[in-house]
Amino acid sequence: DCPGKEGTGGRLRNLTLLRNKLYLGQRRRTEPVVESTTTAGDHGNLRRSQSDRTEYSQKLQEKMAPQAVSSTPATPLQEDKEEEEEEEEVRRRMMARRVKIIAELLQTEKDYISDLDLCIKEVIQPLRNMQIARFDVDGLFSNVELVHQLSAKLLSLLEEATTDVEPSMQIIGEVFLQIKGPLEDTYKIYCYHHDDAHTMLEYYEKDEELKQHLRDCVQSLK
């Protein structure tokens, strides 16, 4: 009740009111800031999430189609060059194989003609010269001499088509087409008489005199 006490109580009440006002003012000032910060944070999280999805999508596309993403204008040219090199290597191997086959064909024909030539010189002609009445030389050897002539013609045409000619320009199919008719006619006769000649040989081998003549011819061949 005293003036001093009343003055002190009034100051306390004023301080309390002031503190309440400061508190309310602080709430009003801080609440919008918190709300704004939260909202901004939410938008920040949304932006980061969208960015992550975009980055993931890009990486996925790179994995699914790496050439489409990482290719450059030089890449197709490089691929074309590699394909051309591979094709050229295949062509080179095929040409080398073709050259080898043609060379083997020529050598085989040479060997065949050499065998026929020996047969005529060392067997057929000596037996003819003996003039054995019961020995049918032509029946036994059929048209071997004609086969020899035709084979020599075939070899000549093959050599003409391949000698001093680039491998890529060597055309041997035309040679066989050109001589196709004579080949058929000649070997038809030889094949037709083959079985009869074999039967005739078996008969001659039972005759000791004729068998000895044949043995001498074989020895001459060796």
Protein backbone atom coordinates (compact mmCIF):
# COMPACT_ATOMS: atom_id res chain seq x y z
CA ASP A 1 0.00 0.00 0.00
CA CYS A 2 2.92 2.29 0.37
CA PRO A 3 3.91 4.48 -2.57
CA GLY A 4 7.25 2.71 -2.91
CA LYS A 5 5.66 -0.71 -3.06
CA GLU A 6 2.98 0.49 -5.49
CA GLY A 7 5.64 1.83 -7.84
CA THR A 8 7.54 -1.45 -7.73
CA GLY A 9 4.41 -3.53 -8.41
CA GLY A 10 3.53 -1.33 -11.37
CA ARG A 11 6.91 -1.78 -12.88
CA LEU A 12 6.61 -5.56 -12.50
CA ARG A 13 3.26 -5.54 -14.23
CA ASN A 14 4.65 -3.41 -17.03
CA LEU A 15 7.57 -5.81 -17.47
CA THR A 16 5.18 -8.76 -17.61
CA LEU A 17 3.03 -7.11 -20.26
CA LEU A 18 6.09 -6.11 -22.21
CA ARG A 19 7.44 -9.64 -22.08
CA ASN A 20 4.10 -11.04 -23.32
CA LYS A 21 4.03 -8.53 -26.14
CA LEU A 22 7.60 -9.41 -27.10
CA TYR A 23 6.71 -13.12 -27.04
CA LEU A 24 3.68 -12.64 -29.28
CA GLY A 25 5.64 -10.42 -31.59
CA GLN A 26 8.39 -12.98 -31.78
CA ARG A 27 5.84 -15.68 -32.70
CA ARG A 28 4.37 -13.50 -35.40
CA ARG A 29 7.82 -12.83 -36.79
CA THR A 30 9.10 -16.42 -36.58
CA GLU A 31 6.04 -18.34 -37.73
CA PRO A 32 6.07 -16.99 -41.32
CA VAL A 33 9.81 -17.60 -41.52
CA VAL A 34 9.43 -21.20 -40.42
CA GLU A 35 6.55 -21.72 -42.82
CA SER A 36 8.49 -20.10 -45.62
CA THR A 37 11.59 -22.15 -44.84
CA THR A 38 9.60 -25.36 -44.77
CA THR A 39 7.92 -24.55 -48.06
CA ALA A 40 11.21 -23.63 -49.65
CA GLY A 41 12.72 -26.82 -48.33
CA ASP A 42 9.88 -28.86 -49.80
CA HIS A 43 10.38 -27.21 -53.20
CA GLY A 44 14.13 -27.81 -52.91
CA ASN A 45 13.51 -31.47 -52.22
CA LEU A 46 11.15 -31.64 -55.21
CA ARG A 47 13.70 -30.04 -57.50
CA ARG A 48 16.42 -32.45 -56.38
CA SER A 49 14.10 -35.40 -56.87
CA GLN A 50 13.23 -34.31 -60.41
CA SER A 51 16.90 -33.81 -61.17
CA ASP A 52 17.70 -37.27 -59.89
CA ARG A 53 15.02 -38.79 -62.09
CA THR A 54 16.33 -36.95 -65.13
CA GLU A 55 19.88 -38.10 -64.44
CA TYR A 56 18.73 -41.69 -63.92
CA SER A 57 16.76 -41.57 -67.13
CA GLN A 58 19.81 -40.37 -69.00
CA LYS A 59 22.00 -43.10 -67.53
CA LEU A 60 19.40 -45.72 -68.36
CA GLN A 61 19.24 -44.53 -71.93
CA GLU A 62 23.02 -44.72 -72.13
CA LYS A 63 22.98 -48.32 -70.92
CA MET A 64 20.15 -49.35 -73.21
CA ALA A 65 21.49 -47.56 -76.27
CA PRO A 66 25.14 -46.65 -75.67
CA GLN A 67 25.85 -46.09 -79.35
CA ALA A 68 22.97 -43.68 -79.74
CA VAL A 69 24.16 -41.60 -76.80
CA SER A 70 27.91 -41.82 -77.17
CA SER A 71 28.30 -42.11 -80.95
CA THR A 72 30.02 -39.39 -82.89
CA PRO A 73 30.01 -38.62 -86.61
CA ALA A 74 33.32 -40.52 -86.91
CA THR A 75 31.95 -43.76 -85.51
CA PRO A 76 29.84 -44.80 -88.55
CA LEU A 77 32.82 -44.11 -90.79
CA GLN A 78 35.01 -46.27 -88.58
CA GLU A 79 32.43 -49.07 -88.65
CA ASP A 80 32.18 -48.87 -92.45
CA LYS A 81 35.96 -49.04 -92.70
CA GLU A 82 36.10 -52.11 -90.46
CA GLU A 83 33.36 -53.82 -92.49
CA GLU A 84 35.20 -53.06 -95.72
CA GLU A 85 38.42 -54.48 -94.27
CA GLU A 86 36.61 -57.64 -93.18
CA GLU A 87 34.99 -58.05 -96.59
CA GLU A 88 38.34 -57.49 -98.28
CA GLU A 89 39.93 -60.15 -96.06
CA VAL A 90 37.17 -62.61 -96.96
CA ARG A 91 37.64 -61.87 -100.66
CA ARG A 92 41.39 -62.31 -100.30
CA ARG A 93 41.01 -65.72 -98.62
CA MET A 94 38.46 -66.87 -101.20
CA MET A 95 40.71 -65.78 -104.07
CA ALA A 96 43.71 -67.56 -102.52
CA ARG A 97 41.60 -70.71 -102.16
CA ARG A 98 40.41 -70.41 -105.76
CA VAL A 99 43.98 -70.03 -107.05
CA LYS A 100 44.99 -73.13 -105.08
CA ILE A 101 42.09 -75.18 -106.48
CA ILE A 102 42.89 -74.17 -110.07
CA ALA A 103 46.56 -75.04 -109.58
CA GLU A 104 45.59 -78.43 -108.13
CA LEU A 105 43.25 -79.05 -111.07
CA LEU A 106 46.03 -78.32 -113.55
CA GLN A 107 48.49 -80.55 -111.72
CA THR A 108 45.99 -83.40 -111.50
CA GLU A 109 45.33 -83.20 -115.22
CA LYS A 110 49.07 -83.22 -115.93
CA ASP A 111 49.55 -86.32 -113.78
CA TYR A 112 46.60 -88.05 -115.44
CA ILE A 113 47.98 -87.36 -118.92
CA SER A 114 51.39 -88.62 -117.84
CA ASP A 115 49.84 -91.89 -116.63
CA LEU A 116 47.92 -92.31 -119.87
CA ASP A 117 51.04 -91.57 -121.87
CA LEU A 118 52.98 -94.26 -120.01
CA CYS A 119 50.15 -96.73 -120.45
CA ILE A 120 50.09 -96.18 -124.22
CA LYS A 121 53.85 -96.27 -124.69
CA GLU A 122 54.72 -99.09 -122.30
CA VAL A 123 51.67 -101.35 -122.51
CA ILE A 124 49.36 -100.78 -125.47
CA GLN A 125 51.92 -100.25 -128.21
CA PRO A 126 54.19 -103.16 -127.17
CA LEU A 127 51.19 -105.53 -127.01
CA ARG A 128 50.08 -104.39 -130.45
CA ASN A 129 53.54 -104.93 -131.83
CA MET A 130 53.44 -108.54 -130.58
CA GLN A 131 50.43 -109.19 -132.79
CA ILE A 132 49.10 -111.99 -130.59
CA ALA A 133 46.08 -113.47 -132.35
CA ARG A 134 44.09 -114.23 -129.20
CA PHE A 135 44.89 -110.91 -127.57
CA ASP A 136 42.34 -108.12 -128.28
CA VAL A 137 44.33 -105.02 -127.37
CA ASP A 138 41.68 -102.55 -128.53
CA GLY A 139 38.96 -104.45 -126.66
CA LEU A 140 41.03 -104.46 -123.49
CA PHE A 141 41.98 -100.78 -123.51
CA SER A 142 38.97 -99.42 -125.37
CA ASN A 143 39.47 -95.82 -126.52
CA VAL A 144 42.21 -94.86 -124.02
CA GLU A 145 44.23 -93.19 -126.77
CA LEU A 146 41.30 -90.93 -127.59
CA VAL A 147 40.91 -90.16 -123.87
CA HIS A 148 44.58 -89.18 -123.83
CA GLN A 149 44.15 -86.82 -126.79
CA LEU A 150 41.09 -85.19 -125.27
CA SER A 151 42.77 -84.78 -121.87
CA ALA A 152 45.74 -83.12 -123.54
CA LYS A 153 43.34 -80.72 -125.27
CA LEU A 154 41.65 -79.93 -121.95
CA LEU A 155 45.00 -79.24 -120.29
CA SER A 156 46.04 -76.99 -123.15
CA LEU A 157 42.85 -74.92 -122.82
CA LEU A 158 43.23 -74.68 -119.05
CA GLU A 159 46.82 -73.49 -119.35
CA GLU A 160 45.79 -70.96 -121.97
CA ALA A 161 43.11 -69.61 -119.63
CA THR A 162 45.43 -69.30 -116.62
CA THR A 163 48.98 -68.61 -117.87
CA ASP A 164 50.01 -64.94 -117.52
CA VAL A 165 46.47 -64.08 -116.43
CA GLU A 166 45.61 -62.35 -113.15
CA PRO A 167 43.91 -64.74 -110.70
CA SER A 168 40.75 -62.64 -110.65
CA MET A 169 40.57 -62.85 -114.46
CA GLN A 170 41.09 -66.61 -114.75
CA ILE A 171 37.85 -68.06 -116.12
CA ILE A 172 38.04 -71.84 -116.39
CA GLY A 173 34.31 -72.59 -116.43
CA GLU A 174 34.16 -71.61 -120.09
CA VAL A 175 36.85 -74.18 -120.86
CA PHE A 176 34.71 -77.04 -119.56
CA LEU A 177 31.64 -75.70 -121.34
CA GLN A 178 33.62 -75.51 -124.57
CA ILE A 179 34.82 -79.10 -124.34
CA LYS A 180 31.70 -80.50 -122.70
CA GLY A 181 30.42 -82.30 -125.84
CA PRO A 182 33.66 -84.13 -126.71
CA LEU A 183 34.15 -85.11 -123.05
CA GLU A 184 30.71 -86.71 -122.91
CA ASP A 185 31.13 -88.55 -126.21
CA THR A 186 34.59 -89.89 -125.36
CA TYR A 187 33.88 -91.06 -121.82
CA LYS A 188 30.57 -92.62 -122.81
CA ILE A 189 32.52 -95.08 -124.97
CA TYR A 190 35.15 -95.70 -122.31
CA CYS A 191 32.59 -96.29 -119.53
CA TYR A 192 30.41 -98.46 -121.79
CA HIS A 193 33.26 -100.90 -122.46
CA HIS A 194 34.75 -100.83 -118.96
CA ASP A 195 33.00 -103.92 -117.60
CA ASP A 196 33.78 -105.94 -120.74
CA ALA A 197 37.44 -104.94 -120.54
CA HIS A 198 37.59 -106.04 -116.89
CA THR A 199 36.08 -109.43 -117.77
CA MET A 200 38.54 -109.78 -120.66
CA LEU A 201 41.50 -109.01 -118.36
CA GLU A 202 40.41 -111.72 -115.90
CA TYR A 203 40.31 -114.21 -118.78
CA TYR A 204 43.77 -113.23 -120.08
CA GLU A 205 45.28 -113.60 -116.61
CA LYS A 206 44.31 -117.29 -116.67
CA ASP A 207 46.49 -117.80 -119.74
CA GLU A 208 50.11 -118.06 -118.55
CA GLU A 209 51.60 -116.80 -121.82
CA LEU A 210 49.32 -113.76 -121.99
CA LYS A 211 49.72 -113.20 -118.27
CA GLN A 212 53.49 -113.06 -118.71
CA HIS A 213 53.16 -110.44 -121.43
CA LEU A 214 51.02 -108.33 -119.13
CA ARG A 215 53.50 -108.81 -116.28
CA ASP A 216 56.37 -107.64 -118.51
CA CYS A 217 54.42 -104.51 -119.40
CA VAL A 218 53.69 -103.76 -115.75
CA GLN A 219 57.35 -104.24 -114.89
CA SER A 220 58.26 -101.81 -117.65
CA LEU A 221 55.89 -99.26 -116.15
CA LYS A 222 57.54 -99.61 -112.75
